[in-house]
C-alpha atoms as a PDB file:
ATOM      1  CA  MET A   1       0.000   0.000   0.000  1.00  0.00           C
ATOM      2  CA  LYS A   2       2.835   2.361   0.888  1.00  0.00           C
ATOM      3  CA  ARG A   3       4.533   1.625  -2.400  1.00  0.00           C
ATOM      4  CA  TYR A   4       1.322   2.375  -4.319  1.00  0.00           C
ATOM      5  CA  PHE A   5       1.041   5.722  -2.513  1.00  0.00           C
ATOM      6  CA  TYR A   6       4.622   6.675  -3.428  1.00  0.00           C
ATOM      7  CA  LEU A   7       4.089   5.693  -7.071  1.00  0.00           C
ATOM      8  CA  LEU A   8       0.903   7.741  -7.203  1.00  0.00           C
ATOM      9  CA  ALA A   9       2.563  10.737  -5.541  1.00  0.00           C
ATOM     10  CA  THR A  10       5.481  10.529  -7.983  1.00  0.00           C
ATOM     11  CA  ALA A  11       3.132  10.381 -10.968  1.00  0.00           C
ATOM     12  CA  VAL A  12       1.230  13.432  -9.714  1.00  0.00           C
ATOM     13  CA  LEU A  13       4.465  15.395  -9.217  1.00  0.00           C
ATOM     14  CA  ILE A  14       5.750  14.516 -12.698  1.00  0.00           C
ATOM     15  CA  THR A  15       2.448  15.512 -14.291  1.00  0.00           C
ATOM     16  CA  ALA A  16       2.303  18.770 -12.346  1.00  0.00           C
ATOM     17  CA  SER A  17       5.882  19.685 -13.262  1.00  0.00           C
ATOM     18  CA  SER A  18       5.298  18.976 -16.961  1.00  0.00           C
ATOM     19  CA  VAL A  19       2.170  21.165 -16.944  1.00  0.00           C
ATOM     20  CA  CYS A  20       4.143  23.945 -15.247  1.00  0.00           C
ATOM     21  CA  ALA A  21       6.987  23.578 -17.756  1.00  0.00           C
ATOM     22  CA  GLN A  22       4.500  23.737 -20.628  1.00  0.00           C
ATOM     23  CA  ALA A  23       2.869  26.831 -19.164  1.00  0.00           C
ATOM     24  CA  GLN A  24       6.236  28.519 -18.669  1.00  0.00           C
ATOM     25  CA  SER A  25       7.283  27.601 -22.212  1.00  0.00           C
ATOM     26  CA  ARG A  26       4.121  29.086 -23.715  1.00  0.00           C
ATOM     27  CA  ASN A  27       4.220  32.082 -21.394  1.00  0.00           C
ATOM     28  CA  ARG A  28       7.707  33.094 -22.486  1.00  0.00           C
ATOM     29  CA  GLN A  29       7.135  32.775 -26.190  1.00  0.00           C
ATOM     30  CA  ARG A  30       5.650  35.306 -28.519  1.00  0.00           C
ATOM     31  CA  LEU A  31       5.698  34.194 -32.100  1.00  0.00           C
ATOM     32  CA  ILE A  32       6.322  36.420 -35.077  1.00  0.00           C
ATOM     33  CA  VAL A  33       5.071  34.906 -38.304  1.00  0.00           C
ATOM     34  CA  GLU A  34       4.901  36.184 -41.873  1.00  0.00           C
ATOM     35  CA  VAL A  35       1.751  34.703 -43.398  1.00  0.00           C
ATOM     36  CA  PRO A  36       1.963  35.015 -47.204  1.00  0.00           C
ATOM     37  CA  PHE A  37      -1.793  34.650 -47.762  1.00  0.00           C
ATOM     38  CA  GLY A  38      -5.035  35.964 -46.328  1.00  0.00           C
ATOM     39  CA  PHE A  39      -6.639  33.598 -43.824  1.00  0.00           C
ATOM     40  CA  ASN A  40      -9.557  33.111 -41.465  1.00  0.00           C
ATOM     41  CA  ALA A  41      -8.975  32.833 -37.728  1.00  0.00           C
ATOM     42  CA  GLY A  42     -12.294  31.900 -36.159  1.00  0.00           C
ATOM     43  CA  SER A  43     -14.879  34.189 -37.734  1.00  0.00           C
ATOM     44  CA  THR A  44     -12.313  36.907 -38.541  1.00  0.00           C
ATOM     45  CA  GLN A  45     -10.696  37.326 -41.953  1.00  0.00           C
ATOM     46  CA  LEU A  46      -7.104  38.510 -41.773  1.00  0.00           C
ATOM     47  CA  PRO A  47      -4.967  39.751 -44.676  1.00  0.00           C
ATOM     48  CA  ALA A  48      -1.530  38.430 -45.561  1.00  0.00           C
ATOM     49  CA  GLY A  49       1.194  40.018 -43.458  1.00  0.00           C
ATOM     50  CA  GLU A  50       3.289  39.809 -40.314  1.00  0.00           C
ATOM     51  CA  TYR A  51       1.555  38.731 -37.089  1.00  0.00           C
ATOM     52  CA  ASN A  52       2.456  38.457 -33.421  1.00  0.00           C
ATOM     53  CA  VAL A  53       0.978  35.358 -31.775  1.00  0.00           C
ATOM     54  CA  SER A  54       0.901  34.811 -28.020  1.00  0.00           C
ATOM     55  CA  VAL A  55      -1.014  32.771 -25.456  1.00  0.00           C
ATOM     56  CA  VAL A  56      -3.155  34.829 -23.078  1.00  0.00           C
ATOM     57  CA  ASN A  57      -3.654  32.092 -20.438  1.00  0.00           C
ATOM     58  CA  PRO A  58      -0.758  29.632 -20.796  1.00  0.00           C
ATOM     59  CA  SER A  59      -1.601  27.439 -17.795  1.00  0.00           C
ATOM     60  CA  SER A  60      -5.020  26.399 -19.117  1.00  0.00           C
ATOM     61  CA  SER A  61      -5.717  23.294 -21.211  1.00  0.00           C
ATOM     62  CA  GLN A  62      -8.096  25.499 -23.218  1.00  0.00           C
ATOM     63  CA  SER A  63      -5.688  28.286 -24.037  1.00  0.00           C
ATOM     64  CA  VAL A  64      -6.676  31.556 -25.645  1.00  0.00           C
ATOM     65  CA  VAL A  65      -4.425  32.662 -28.493  1.00  0.00           C
ATOM     66  CA  LEU A  66      -4.049  36.354 -29.324  1.00  0.00           C
ATOM     67  CA  ILE A  67      -3.141  37.206 -32.927  1.00  0.00           C
ATOM     68  CA  ASN A  68      -2.164  40.820 -33.708  1.00  0.00           C
ATOM     69  CA  SER A  69      -0.969  42.183 -37.018  1.00  0.00           C
ATOM     70  CA  SER A  70       2.356  43.980 -36.731  1.00  0.00           C
ATOM     71  CA  ASP A  71       0.820  47.111 -38.234  1.00  0.00           C
ATOM     72  CA  GLY A  72      -1.901  47.143 -35.548  1.00  0.00           C
ATOM     73  CA  GLN A  73      -4.752  46.958 -38.075  1.00  0.00           C
ATOM     74  CA  SER A  74      -6.009  43.438 -37.289  1.00  0.00           C
ATOM     75  CA  SER A  75      -6.471  41.472 -34.094  1.00  0.00           C
ATOM     76  CA  VAL A  76      -8.347  38.357 -32.973  1.00  0.00           C
ATOM     77  CA  MET A  77      -8.531  36.135 -29.899  1.00  0.00           C
ATOM     78  CA  LEU A  78      -9.290  32.424 -30.332  1.00  0.00           C
ATOM     79  CA  GLY A  79     -10.155  29.699 -27.868  1.00  0.00           C
ATOM     80  CA  THR A  80      -8.127  26.544 -28.454  1.00  0.00           C
ATOM     81  CA  ILE A  81      -7.922  22.976 -27.264  1.00  0.00           C
ATOM     82  CA  ASP A  82      -4.583  21.370 -26.418  1.00  0.00           C
ATOM     83  CA  ILE A  83      -3.414  18.552 -28.667  1.00  0.00           C
ATOM     84  CA  ILE A  84      -0.513  16.194 -28.129  1.00  0.00           C
ATOM     85  CA  GLY A  85       2.169  16.014 -30.778  1.00  0.00           C
ATOM     86  CA  ARG A  86       5.898  15.821 -31.155  1.00  0.00           C
ATOM     87  CA  ALA A  87       8.109  18.647 -29.980  1.00  0.00           C
ATOM     88  CA  THR A  88      10.112  20.359 -32.708  1.00  0.00           C
ATOM     89  CA  SER A  89      12.636  23.149 -32.501  1.00  0.00           C
ATOM     90  CA  ARG A  90      10.535  25.374 -34.781  1.00  0.00           C
ATOM     91  CA  ALA A  91       7.371  27.231 -33.892  1.00  0.00           C
ATOM     92  CA  LYS A  92       4.693  27.173 -36.577  1.00  0.00           C
ATOM     93  CA  LEU A  93       1.123  27.885 -37.543  1.00  0.00           C
ATOM     94  CA  ILE A  94      -0.829  25.206 -39.388  1.00  0.00           C
ATOM     95  CA  PHE A  95      -3.597  26.138 -41.824  1.00  0.00           C
ATOM     96  CA  ARG A  96      -6.263  24.080 -43.577  1.00  0.00           C
ATOM     97  CA  ARG A  97      -6.546  25.083 -47.251  1.00  0.00           C
ATOM     98  CA  TYR A  98      -9.625  24.707 -49.421  1.00  0.00           C
ATOM     99  CA  ASP A  99      -8.931  25.935 -52.952  1.00  0.00           C
ATOM    100  CA  SER A 100      -7.637  29.468 -52.237  1.00  0.00           C
ATOM    101  CA  GLN A 101      -9.131  29.858 -48.741  1.00  0.00           C
ATOM    102  CA  TYR A 102      -7.035  29.278 -45.618  1.00  0.00           C
ATOM    103  CA  PHE A 103      -8.243  28.645 -42.067  1.00  0.00           C
ATOM    104  CA  LEU A 104      -5.984  28.677 -39.002  1.00  0.00           C
ATOM    105  CA  ALA A 105      -6.006  25.147 -37.577  1.00  0.00           C
ATOM    106  CA  GLN A 106      -3.144  24.861 -35.057  1.00  0.00           C
ATOM    107  CA  VAL A 107      -0.484  26.867 -33.251  1.00  0.00           C
ATOM    108  CA  TRP A 108       2.741  25.189 -32.124  1.00  0.00           C
ATOM    109  CA  MET A 109       5.294  26.893 -29.913  1.00  0.00           C
ATOM    110  CA  ALA A 110       8.960  25.947 -30.248  1.00  0.00           C
ATOM    111  CA  SER A 111      10.065  22.894 -28.246  1.00  0.00           C
ATOM    112  CA  ASP A 112       6.534  22.253 -26.971  1.00  0.00           C
ATOM    113  CA  SER A 113       4.970  18.814 -27.449  1.00  0.00           C
ATOM    114  CA  THR A 114       1.490  20.212 -26.846  1.00  0.00           C
ATOM    115  CA  GLY A 115      -0.013  22.266 -29.633  1.00  0.00           C
ATOM    116  CA  MET A 116      -3.182  24.334 -29.679  1.00  0.00           C
ATOM    117  CA  SER A 117      -5.991  23.451 -32.068  1.00  0.00           C
ATOM    118  CA  THR A 118      -8.714  25.877 -33.125  1.00  0.00           C
ATOM    119  CA  LYS A 119     -12.346  24.973 -33.646  1.00  0.00           C
ATOM    120  CA  TYR A 120     -13.980  24.906 -37.062  1.00  0.00           C
ATOM    121  CA  SER A 121     -15.771  28.201 -37.758  1.00  0.00           C
ATOM    122  CA  LYS A 122     -19.243  28.317 -39.313  1.00  0.00           C
ATOM    123  CA  ALA A 123     -17.723  29.492 -42.596  1.00  0.00           C
ATOM    124  CA  GLU A 124     -15.265  26.610 -42.650  1.00  0.00           C
ATOM    125  CA  LYS A 125     -17.938  24.041 -41.782  1.00  0.00           C
ATOM    126  CA  SER A 126     -20.111  25.364 -44.594  1.00  0.00           C
ATOM    127  CA  LEU A 127     -17.212  25.297 -47.059  1.00  0.00           C
ATOM    128  CA  ARG A 128     -16.252  21.770 -46.010  1.00  0.00           C
ATOM    129  CA  LYS A 129     -19.804  20.604 -46.563  1.00  0.00           C
ATOM    130  CA  GLN A 130     -19.899  22.253 -49.980  1.00  0.00           C
ATOM    131  CA  LEU A 131     -16.545  20.826 -51.081  1.00  0.00           C
ATOM    132  CA  ARG A 132     -17.383  17.323 -49.885  1.00  0.00           C
ATOM    133  CA  VAL A 133     -20.118  17.296 -52.471  1.00  0.00           C
ATOM    134  CA  SER A 134     -17.631  18.259 -55.190  1.00  0.00           C
ATOM    135  CA  ASN A 135     -15.104  15.689 -53.887  1.00  0.00           C
ATOM    136  CA  GLN A 136     -12.216  18.116 -53.269  1.00  0.00           C
ATOM    137  CA  ASN A 137      -9.390  17.397 -50.839  1.00  0.00           C
ATOM    138  CA  THR A 138      -8.235  19.493 -47.923  1.00  0.00           C
ATOM    139  CA  ASP A 139      -4.576  20.498 -47.891  1.00  0.00           C
ATOM    140  CA  VAL A 140      -2.590  21.397 -44.799  1.00  0.00           C
ATOM    141  CA  VAL A 141      -0.082  24.246 -44.977  1.00  0.00           C
ATOM    142  CA  ALA A 142       2.541  25.002 -42.308  1.00  0.00           C
ATOM    143  CA  VAL A 143       4.118  28.445 -41.905  1.00  0.00           C
ATOM    144  CA  ASN A 144       7.231  28.584 -39.731  1.00  0.00           C
ATOM    145  CA  ALA A 145       7.469  31.306 -37.114  1.00  0.00           C
ATOM    146  CA  ARG A 146      10.251  32.856 -35.109  1.00  0.00           C
ATOM    147  CA  TRP A 147       9.876  33.639 -31.462  1.00  0.00           C
ATOM    148  CA  LYS A 148      11.015  36.323 -29.098  1.00  0.00           C
END
């Protein structure tokens, strides 16, 4: 029984420390990304350009991502859901592409094995339904970011 308690306590401590490390990693990073195409983030259409991306509440499993254009003209906040992946040294934004329309799908911070996935907007759901009828495929496009 004592051994079970120690194993459980150790597992809880490891989990808590990894969540704290993830939160600190996200908290420190602000991404700068040059998106070469216009895209939708939630229900907001954003033009091509340079954007600053940061996490407003890094310790939550349902993080809120803030996206600001560098020129200050565009801004949007998006609720996300954490997804497990593989840590890479590069930060990136992942977009779903339908013909010439792009929708923000995921945000990955550098060296973080937990990414943030956005929900499908009404416009994207409608477009997906329409394109399913015409049998078109969805492409995924990654845009690398740098971080401060």
